[in-house]
Protein backbone atom coordinates (compact mmCIF):
# COMPACT_ATOMS: atom_id res chain seq x y z
CA MET A 1 0.00 0.00 0.00
CA LYS A 2 1.42 3.40 -1.04
CA PRO A 3 2.05 5.71 1.95
CA VAL A 4 -0.09 8.82 2.14
CA LEU A 5 1.70 12.13 2.28
CA ILE A 6 0.98 14.33 5.30
CA CYS A 7 1.82 18.03 5.23
CA PRO A 8 4.30 18.69 8.06
CA LYS A 9 2.91 22.21 8.49
CA CYS A 10 -0.88 21.84 8.53
CA GLY A 11 -1.31 18.06 8.95
CA ARG A 12 -3.58 17.59 5.95
CA SER A 13 -3.07 14.60 3.67
CA GLU A 14 -2.75 14.34 -0.07
CA GLU A 15 -6.25 12.87 -0.07
CA GLN A 16 -7.56 16.25 1.09
CA VAL A 17 -5.43 18.70 -0.86
CA ARG A 18 -2.92 18.83 -3.69
CA PHE A 19 0.76 18.42 -2.82
CA ILE A 20 4.01 19.81 -4.22
CA ASP A 21 6.93 17.71 -3.03
CA ALA A 22 6.46 17.06 0.71
CA PHE A 23 4.10 20.01 1.38
CA CYS A 24 0.49 20.75 0.57
CA ILE A 25 -0.06 23.38 -2.10
CA ASP A 26 -1.07 25.99 0.51
CA ASP A 27 1.98 25.53 2.73
CA TYR A 28 4.66 24.89 0.13
CA PRO A 29 7.75 26.96 1.15
CA LEU A 30 8.25 29.70 -1.41
CA ASN A 31 11.48 31.40 -2.33
CA ILE A 32 9.93 34.47 -3.94
CA LYS A 33 10.58 38.13 -3.27
CA ALA A 34 8.71 41.11 -4.70
CA PRO A 35 9.17 44.84 -4.07
CA GLY A 36 7.05 46.23 -1.24
CA LYS A 37 5.76 49.00 -3.50
CA GLU A 38 6.50 50.91 -6.69
CA GLU A 39 6.32 54.71 -6.97
CA LEU A 40 5.58 56.67 -10.13
CA GLN A 41 5.10 60.31 -11.07
CA ARG A 42 2.59 61.39 -13.72
CA CYS A 43 2.00 64.82 -15.20
CA LYS A 44 -1.55 66.06 -14.59
CA ARG A 45 -1.50 68.07 -17.79
CA CYS A 46 -0.01 65.81 -20.48
CA GLY A 47 -0.34 62.43 -18.72
CA ARG A 48 3.29 61.47 -19.28
CA MET A 49 5.21 59.52 -16.63
CA LEU A 50 8.65 60.08 -15.12
CA PHE A 51 10.46 56.81 -15.83
CA ARG A 52 14.13 56.32 -15.01
CA GLY A 53 14.71 60.05 -14.92
CA GLU A 54 12.95 60.83 -18.21
CA TRP A 55 9.44 62.08 -18.94
CA MET A 56 7.77 59.86 -21.54
CA ALA A 57 4.38 58.59 -22.69
CA TYR A 58 2.57 56.53 -20.05
CA ASP A 59 3.30 52.87 -20.81
CA GLU A 60 1.98 50.05 -18.62
CA GLY A 61 4.21 47.57 -20.44
CA LYS A 62 7.34 49.41 -19.29
CA ILE A 63 6.01 49.72 -15.74
CA GLU A 64 5.21 46.00 -15.58
CA LYS A 65 8.64 45.06 -16.94
CA HIS A 66 10.26 47.34 -14.35
CA ILE A 67 8.30 45.81 -11.45
CA LEU A 68 8.90 42.23 -12.59
CA GLY A 69 12.60 43.03 -13.00
CA LYS A 70 12.75 43.64 -9.25
CA CYS A 71 11.20 40.24 -8.39
CA ARG A 72 13.47 37.41 -7.32
CA GLY A 73 13.02 33.71 -6.72
CA GLU A 74 12.20 30.39 -8.34
CA PHE A 75 9.22 30.98 -10.60
CA ALA A 76 8.37 30.04 -14.17
CA GLY A 77 6.54 33.24 -15.05
CA ALA A 78 5.00 36.39 -13.62
CA SER A 79 2.65 39.21 -14.57
CA TYR A 80 1.41 42.40 -12.93
CA ASP A 81 -2.30 43.12 -12.47
CA PHE A 82 -2.72 46.92 -12.46
CA GLY A 83 -6.32 46.76 -11.25
CA ARG A 84 -5.60 44.60 -8.19
CA GLN A 85 -1.98 45.76 -7.89
CA VAL A 86 -0.53 42.29 -7.43
CA VAL A 87 2.24 40.30 -9.06
CA ALA A 88 0.94 36.85 -10.04
CA PHE A 89 3.69 34.21 -10.04
CA THR A 90 3.54 30.80 -11.70
CA ILE A 91 5.57 28.06 -9.99
CA ARG A 92 6.07 24.64 -11.58
CA ARG A 93 7.37 21.49 -9.89
CA GLY A 94 7.22 18.53 -12.24
CA ASP A 95 3.65 18.27 -13.47
CA LYS A 96 2.34 20.46 -10.63
CA GLU A 97 1.64 24.17 -11.04
CA LEU A 98 1.07 26.71 -8.32
CA LYS A 99 -0.22 30.29 -8.60
CA VAL A 100 1.05 32.75 -5.98
CA GLU A 101 0.24 36.45 -5.64
CA LYS A 102 2.23 39.18 -3.94
CA GLN A 103 0.76 42.61 -3.27
CA VAL A 104 2.82 45.40 -4.89
CA PRO A 105 1.00 48.75 -4.62
CA LEU A 106 1.65 51.21 -7.44
CA ILE A 107 1.75 54.64 -5.80
CA VAL A 108 1.19 57.35 -8.41
CA THR A 109 2.04 60.96 -7.54
CA ILE A 110 0.38 63.58 -9.73
CA ASN A 111 2.32 66.75 -10.50
CA MET A 112 3.50 68.63 -13.59
CA CYS A 113 6.46 67.86 -15.83
CA GLN A 114 9.00 70.55 -16.65
CA ARG A 115 7.64 71.06 -20.15
CA CYS A 116 4.06 71.59 -18.97
CA ASN A 117 5.30 73.92 -16.24
CA GLN A 118 7.03 75.97 -18.90
CA ILE A 119 3.96 75.98 -21.15
CA SER A 120 1.65 77.08 -18.34
CA GLY A 121 4.12 79.84 -17.43
CA GLY A 122 4.31 81.08 -21.02
CA TYR A 123 8.00 80.19 -21.34
CA TYR A 124 9.67 80.48 -24.74
CA GLN A 125 13.19 80.64 -26.16
CA GLY A 126 12.37 81.48 -29.74
CA ILE A 127 9.87 83.53 -31.73
CA VAL A 128 9.00 82.64 -35.30
CA GLN A 129 7.71 85.72 -37.11
CA LEU A 130 6.02 84.81 -40.39
CA ARG A 131 5.12 87.69 -42.70
CA GLY A 132 3.97 88.10 -46.31
CA ASN A 133 1.32 86.42 -48.42
CA ARG A 134 -1.46 85.29 -46.06
CA ALA A 135 -1.99 81.88 -47.66
CA LYS A 136 1.76 81.14 -47.56
CA VAL A 137 2.06 82.38 -43.98
CA GLU A 138 -0.72 80.04 -42.83
CA ARG A 139 0.70 77.09 -44.77
CA TYR A 140 4.22 77.55 -43.42
CA ALA A 141 2.98 78.21 -39.89
CA LYS A 142 1.24 74.83 -39.99
CA MET A 143 4.29 73.02 -41.41
CA ILE A 144 6.66 74.58 -38.89
CA ALA A 145 4.27 73.87 -35.99
CA GLU A 146 3.95 70.20 -36.98
CA ARG A 147 7.74 69.79 -36.90
CA LEU A 148 8.18 71.70 -33.65
CA GLU A 149 5.48 69.85 -31.72
CA LYS A 150 7.38 66.59 -32.24
CA VAL A 151 10.44 67.85 -30.35
CA THR A 152 9.36 70.85 -28.26
CA PHE A 153 6.25 72.95 -27.56
CA ILE A 154 4.54 76.09 -28.78
CA SER A 155 3.44 78.11 -25.77
CA LYS A 156 1.51 80.74 -27.74
CA THR A 157 0.38 81.60 -31.27
CA GLU A 158 -0.48 85.22 -32.10
CA GLU A 159 -2.26 86.56 -35.16
CA MET A 160 -0.48 89.74 -36.22
CA ASP A 161 -1.02 92.35 -38.93
CA GLY A 162 0.38 90.70 -42.02
CA GLY A 163 1.37 87.47 -40.33
CA ILE A 164 1.62 85.01 -37.45
CA ASP A 165 3.99 84.77 -34.46
CA LEU A 166 4.84 81.41 -32.87
CA TYR A 167 6.37 81.38 -29.38
CA VAL A 168 8.48 78.23 -29.09
CA GLY A 169 10.14 76.42 -26.18
CA SER A 170 13.43 75.70 -27.97
CA SER A 171 15.30 78.00 -30.37
CA LYS A 172 17.44 75.04 -31.53
CA ALA A 173 14.27 73.23 -32.60
CA VAL A 174 13.17 76.29 -34.57
CA LEU A 175 16.53 76.48 -36.37
CA ALA A 176 16.28 72.78 -37.29
CA ALA A 177 12.71 73.16 -38.58
CA VAL A 178 13.53 76.26 -40.64
CA THR A 179 16.58 74.52 -42.13
CA GLN A 180 14.53 71.43 -43.03
CA LEU A 181 11.92 73.55 -44.82
CA GLY A 182 14.61 75.46 -46.69
CA VAL A 183 13.28 78.92 -45.84
CA ARG A 184 15.42 81.97 -45.16
CA ALA A 185 15.20 83.59 -41.75
CA LEU A 186 16.69 86.76 -40.34
CA ILE A 187 17.97 85.66 -36.94
CA THR A 188 18.43 88.07 -34.04
CA LYS A 189 19.28 87.30 -30.42
CA LYS A 190 18.47 89.21 -27.26
CA LEU A 191 20.21 88.63 -23.93
CA ILE A 192 17.54 88.08 -21.26
CA GLY A 193 19.62 87.02 -18.27
CA ARG A 194 21.97 84.46 -16.79
CA GLU A 195 21.51 81.06 -15.22
CA GLU A 196 24.35 79.27 -13.40
CA GLY A 197 26.86 81.56 -15.09
CA LYS A 198 25.47 80.96 -18.60
CA ARG A 199 24.00 83.70 -20.74
CA LEU A 200 20.36 83.19 -21.68
CA TYR A 201 19.16 84.44 -25.04
CA ARG A 202 15.78 84.77 -26.72
CA THR A 203 16.03 84.27 -30.48
CA THR A 204 13.73 85.78 -33.13
CA PHE A 205 13.43 84.15 -36.56
CA ALA A 206 11.92 86.65 -39.02
CA ILE A 207 10.68 84.88 -42.16
CA ARG A 208 9.38 86.79 -45.18
CA LEU A 209 7.24 84.73 -47.56
């Protein structure tokens, strides 16, 4: 007659509950560690997240990979449930499989990223002044804006007599966009102050179309 396994921890037999090795499935000793919590910052204006020191689009896949990368132990697989805020581990021993969950709260702090702070404060480094034929001005304003919004921000757009002014967060981005479009610009710089010993300039790009 085959001996019946008895769990040394709870005293139940294999006739009452599933076993993994010498322990019942509920009392099997686990060598699994998960982080106690994970903290994240999100911008209340644009919704981006601060991830490894960089503001980027909110991405649950990256967050899950980051959390699972901090887990240690003998498990065959793991996933993170954002709704319940648990890491679900899969443990296999022979033909037996065990599901184990560890609570890992995701603590999200809502604030504003540097870019949105600058936008809300009306910050700009460069001004694009488009003048000339109205149809051309509108067309080029749209083309320049599309390029700029991929790499920086436009804090304000002003309709002016004979043209449009764009107030842009980065003068370098303006220079790149103007160069790509192959338009000529009269460039002037104005010293507006100093920061940590560096001179700060505001650059105007006057474009006649």
